[in-house]
Structure formats: structure tokens, C-alpha cells
Amino acid sequence: MSTDNQQVMGFDFGTGRIGVAIGQSITATASPLEPVSARDGKPDWTSLDALIADWQPATLVVGLPLNMDGSISDMARRARKFANRIQDRYQLPCFLIDERLTTAEAKRIHLEAGGGTNFKQESVDGIAARLLLEDWFASDTRIPSHTRLEDLYAIGNP
């Protein structure tokens, strides 16, 4: 990644909600935003269009929810499909990052801050998106969204 101060938007893909965070490459920090609603993994495109227009990110990052053994889950395939769609729609570079355990960590952070346990009402999706984006900033690995998952994660291939 260049040393320019670029805005980067991160996404924690979900079928009912998609967590969103915005970060800056120069500080390698991110902040959660309100999640975007989704129906069976299809985002509310109007809301997503508005977020992209408001924040004008230079790069997009989507968390890849692999199984704990490193194998490719159905949700990982769906997250990659979402990543490809937003890359094509917004014509911005889009990358994937392993996001195992970010939701568990987001829940822990939320609870330690005094939040409740009704995560449907008190979404932690933005915190999870923040965590995966900060992990991406700290990593030297850049996985373009159009990369075949089977080429990266051979465990459990059919």
C-alpha cells in the first residue's frame, strides 16, 4: 500500500446486515459506521451507494469468514461474491482478508464497553469491520477479490 493518506472502507459481510468501517492508511486505524441492511446477502444498494459517495474510499476490503480449520465456508464464498460485486460496481480495488474470530472479538469489546447481549438490537458488525480493516492495515498480504479461494485455501477442497 502506498504511503499516501487513503481512505479505505471495510466490510463484515452478513446475510442480514453488512458491517462497515472507514479507515485511513496513514494512521492504520478505523472507525465503525452504521451497518448496511441486506436481504439474503444482497445489500441495500442505495445505502451502500450513499456511503461510497460520502466517504469516497480509494480501496475496499471485505472480510473472509473461513472455517476455523482454514477451509472455505459457504459464507466465505458469498463474501467473495459480494467483494467482486462492489469492486465491479464502484470500480475500486477490493481486497479480501481472513476475518476469523473478529465477530467474537467485537462482541467482547462491546460487552466490556457496557453494551448488552442482544446483538440483533445492538449491532457489533461495525466493530467487526473495524477490526478486520485494522488487521488488513497491519498485514503485508494483499489478496485481490477476484482471486480464486481454492488457489489460496486448499484445506477441505471438494
Protein backbone atom coordinates (compact mmCIF):
# COMPACT_ATOMS: atom_id res chain seq x y z
CA MET A 1 0.00 0.00 0.00
CA SER A 2 1.27 3.47 -0.73
CA THR A 3 2.19 5.91 1.98
CA ASP A 4 -0.48 8.36 0.80
CA ASN A 5 -3.30 9.01 3.22
CA GLN A 6 -6.02 6.95 1.60
CA GLN A 7 -9.49 6.27 2.89
CA VAL A 8 -10.23 2.56 2.99
CA MET A 9 -13.68 1.09 3.62
CA GLY A 10 -14.01 -2.32 5.27
CA PHE A 11 -16.99 -4.67 5.21
CA ASP A 12 -18.03 -7.51 7.51
CA PHE A 13 -20.35 -9.44 5.20
CA GLY A 14 -23.56 -10.88 6.55
CA THR A 15 -26.79 -12.10 5.02
CA GLY A 16 -29.00 -9.73 7.06
CA ARG A 17 -26.55 -6.92 7.82
CA ILE A 18 -23.20 -5.85 6.48
CA GLY A 19 -20.85 -4.20 8.95
CA VAL A 20 -18.98 -1.16 7.66
CA ALA A 21 -15.91 0.72 8.89
CA ILE A 22 -13.83 3.55 7.46
CA GLY A 23 -10.11 3.87 8.00
CA GLN A 24 -7.05 5.83 6.93
CA SER A 25 -3.94 4.14 5.59
CA ILE A 26 -1.58 6.69 7.15
CA THR A 27 -2.73 6.00 10.72
CA ALA A 28 -3.75 2.37 10.08
CA THR A 29 -6.82 2.95 12.24
CA ALA A 30 -10.51 2.57 11.52
CA SER A 31 -13.87 3.59 12.95
CA PRO A 32 -17.15 1.67 12.77
CA LEU A 33 -20.06 3.05 10.78
CA GLU A 34 -23.72 2.04 10.82
CA PRO A 35 -24.29 -1.33 9.17
CA VAL A 36 -25.98 -1.63 5.79
CA SER A 37 -29.07 -3.79 5.73
CA ALA A 38 -29.12 -6.80 3.43
CA ARG A 39 -31.66 -9.33 2.29
CA ASP A 40 -30.18 -12.80 1.87
CA GLY A 41 -26.75 -11.21 1.42
CA LYS A 42 -27.86 -8.65 -1.15
CA PRO A 43 -27.10 -5.19 0.23
CA ASP A 44 -29.36 -2.17 0.23
CA TRP A 45 -27.56 -0.71 -2.78
CA THR A 46 -28.99 2.78 -2.22
CA SER A 47 -27.46 2.91 1.28
CA LEU A 48 -24.18 1.48 0.06
CA ASP A 49 -24.07 3.94 -2.87
CA ALA A 50 -24.56 6.82 -0.39
CA LEU A 51 -21.76 5.56 1.89
CA ILE A 52 -19.33 5.29 -1.02
CA ALA A 53 -20.31 8.76 -2.26
CA ASP A 54 -19.99 10.32 1.22
CA TRP A 55 -16.68 8.73 2.25
CA GLN A 56 -15.07 8.33 -1.20
CA PRO A 57 -12.78 5.44 -0.28
CA ALA A 58 -9.81 4.66 -2.52
CA THR A 59 -9.85 0.96 -1.59
CA LEU A 60 -12.38 -1.59 -0.33
CA VAL A 61 -11.69 -4.57 1.97
CA VAL A 62 -14.06 -7.46 2.66
CA GLY A 63 -13.64 -9.95 5.49
CA LEU A 64 -13.48 -13.59 4.51
CA PRO A 65 -15.19 -15.82 7.12
CA LEU A 66 -13.21 -19.02 6.71
CA ASN A 67 -13.93 -22.08 8.82
CA MET A 68 -11.73 -22.42 11.91
CA ASP A 69 -9.63 -25.11 10.18
CA GLY A 70 -8.90 -22.69 7.33
CA SER A 71 -11.28 -24.34 4.87
CA ILE A 72 -13.63 -22.34 2.68
CA SER A 73 -17.10 -21.85 4.17
CA ASP A 74 -20.27 -21.10 2.22
CA MET A 75 -20.21 -17.64 3.84
CA ALA A 76 -16.64 -17.11 2.60
CA ARG A 77 -17.81 -17.81 -0.95
CA ARG A 78 -20.71 -15.41 -0.51
CA ALA A 79 -18.41 -12.73 0.96
CA ARG A 80 -16.07 -13.08 -2.03
CA LYS A 81 -19.05 -12.74 -4.40
CA PHE A 82 -20.07 -9.56 -2.54
CA ALA A 83 -16.47 -8.26 -2.81
CA ASN A 84 -16.45 -8.85 -6.56
CA ARG A 85 -19.80 -7.10 -6.94
CA ILE A 86 -18.70 -3.98 -5.08
CA GLN A 87 -15.38 -3.88 -6.93
CA ASP A 88 -17.19 -4.05 -10.26
CA ARG A 89 -19.93 -1.62 -9.20
CA TYR A 90 -17.65 1.07 -7.76
CA GLN A 91 -14.57 0.43 -9.93
CA LEU A 92 -12.32 0.49 -6.87
CA PRO A 93 -9.64 -2.02 -5.88
CA CYS A 94 -11.12 -4.57 -3.49
CA PHE A 95 -9.20 -6.98 -1.29
CA LEU A 96 -10.05 -9.92 0.96
CA ILE A 97 -8.77 -10.65 4.46
CA ASP A 98 -9.21 -13.62 6.77
CA GLU A 99 -11.62 -12.43 9.43
CA ARG A 100 -11.95 -15.47 11.65
CA LEU A 101 -12.91 -14.55 15.23
CA THR A 102 -13.48 -10.82 14.53
CA THR A 103 -17.16 -11.09 15.46
CA ALA A 104 -16.29 -12.84 18.74
CA GLU A 105 -13.73 -10.10 19.48
CA ALA A 106 -16.28 -7.41 18.52
CA LYS A 107 -18.80 -8.88 20.97
CA ARG A 108 -16.16 -8.92 23.72
CA ILE A 109 -15.29 -5.26 23.06
CA HIS A 110 -18.98 -4.32 23.02
CA LEU A 111 -19.69 -6.11 26.31
CA GLU A 112 -16.61 -4.62 28.01
CA ALA A 113 -17.83 -1.17 26.98
CA GLY A 114 -21.10 -1.83 28.83
CA GLY A 115 -23.18 -2.99 25.86
CA GLY A 116 -25.95 -5.53 26.12
CA THR A 117 -26.16 -9.08 24.84
CA ASN A 118 -28.93 -8.50 22.28
CA PHE A 119 -26.65 -8.24 19.26
CA LYS A 120 -29.61 -8.02 16.87
CA GLN A 121 -30.59 -4.77 18.57
CA GLU A 122 -27.06 -3.59 19.43
CA SER A 123 -25.09 -4.43 16.30
CA VAL A 124 -21.40 -5.26 16.63
CA ASP A 125 -20.97 -5.53 12.84
CA GLY A 126 -19.25 -2.14 12.58
CA ILE A 127 -16.78 -3.13 15.31
CA ALA A 128 -16.04 -6.37 13.44
CA ALA A 129 -15.50 -4.36 10.23
CA ARG A 130 -13.15 -2.03 12.12
CA LEU A 131 -11.14 -4.98 13.43
CA LEU A 132 -10.77 -6.66 10.04
CA LEU A 133 -9.78 -3.35 8.44
CA GLU A 134 -7.13 -2.70 11.11
CA ASP A 135 -5.85 -6.27 10.60
CA TRP A 136 -5.61 -5.53 6.87
CA PHE A 137 -3.62 -2.35 7.53
CA ALA A 138 -1.20 -4.38 9.70
CA SER A 139 -0.77 -7.10 7.08
CA ASP A 140 1.60 -7.11 4.11
CA THR A 141 -0.63 -9.57 2.26
CA ARG A 142 -2.98 -8.16 -0.37
CA ILE A 143 -5.49 -10.63 -1.82
CA PRO A 144 -7.46 -9.17 -4.75
CA SER A 145 -11.15 -10.05 -4.52
CA HIS A 146 -11.20 -11.88 -7.85
CA THR A 147 -8.60 -14.38 -6.60
CA ARG A 148 -9.97 -17.95 -6.58
CA LEU A 149 -10.34 -19.01 -2.95
CA GLU A 150 -9.35 -22.57 -3.86
CA ASP A 151 -5.96 -21.23 -5.00
CA LEU A 152 -5.37 -19.76 -1.55
CA TYR A 153 -7.02 -22.18 0.85
CA ALA A 154 -6.54 -25.78 -0.17
CA ILE A 155 -7.82 -27.35 3.05
CA GLY A 156 -11.14 -29.12 2.59
CA ASN A 157 -11.42 -28.62 -1.16
CA PRO A 158 -14.03 -30.90 -2.71
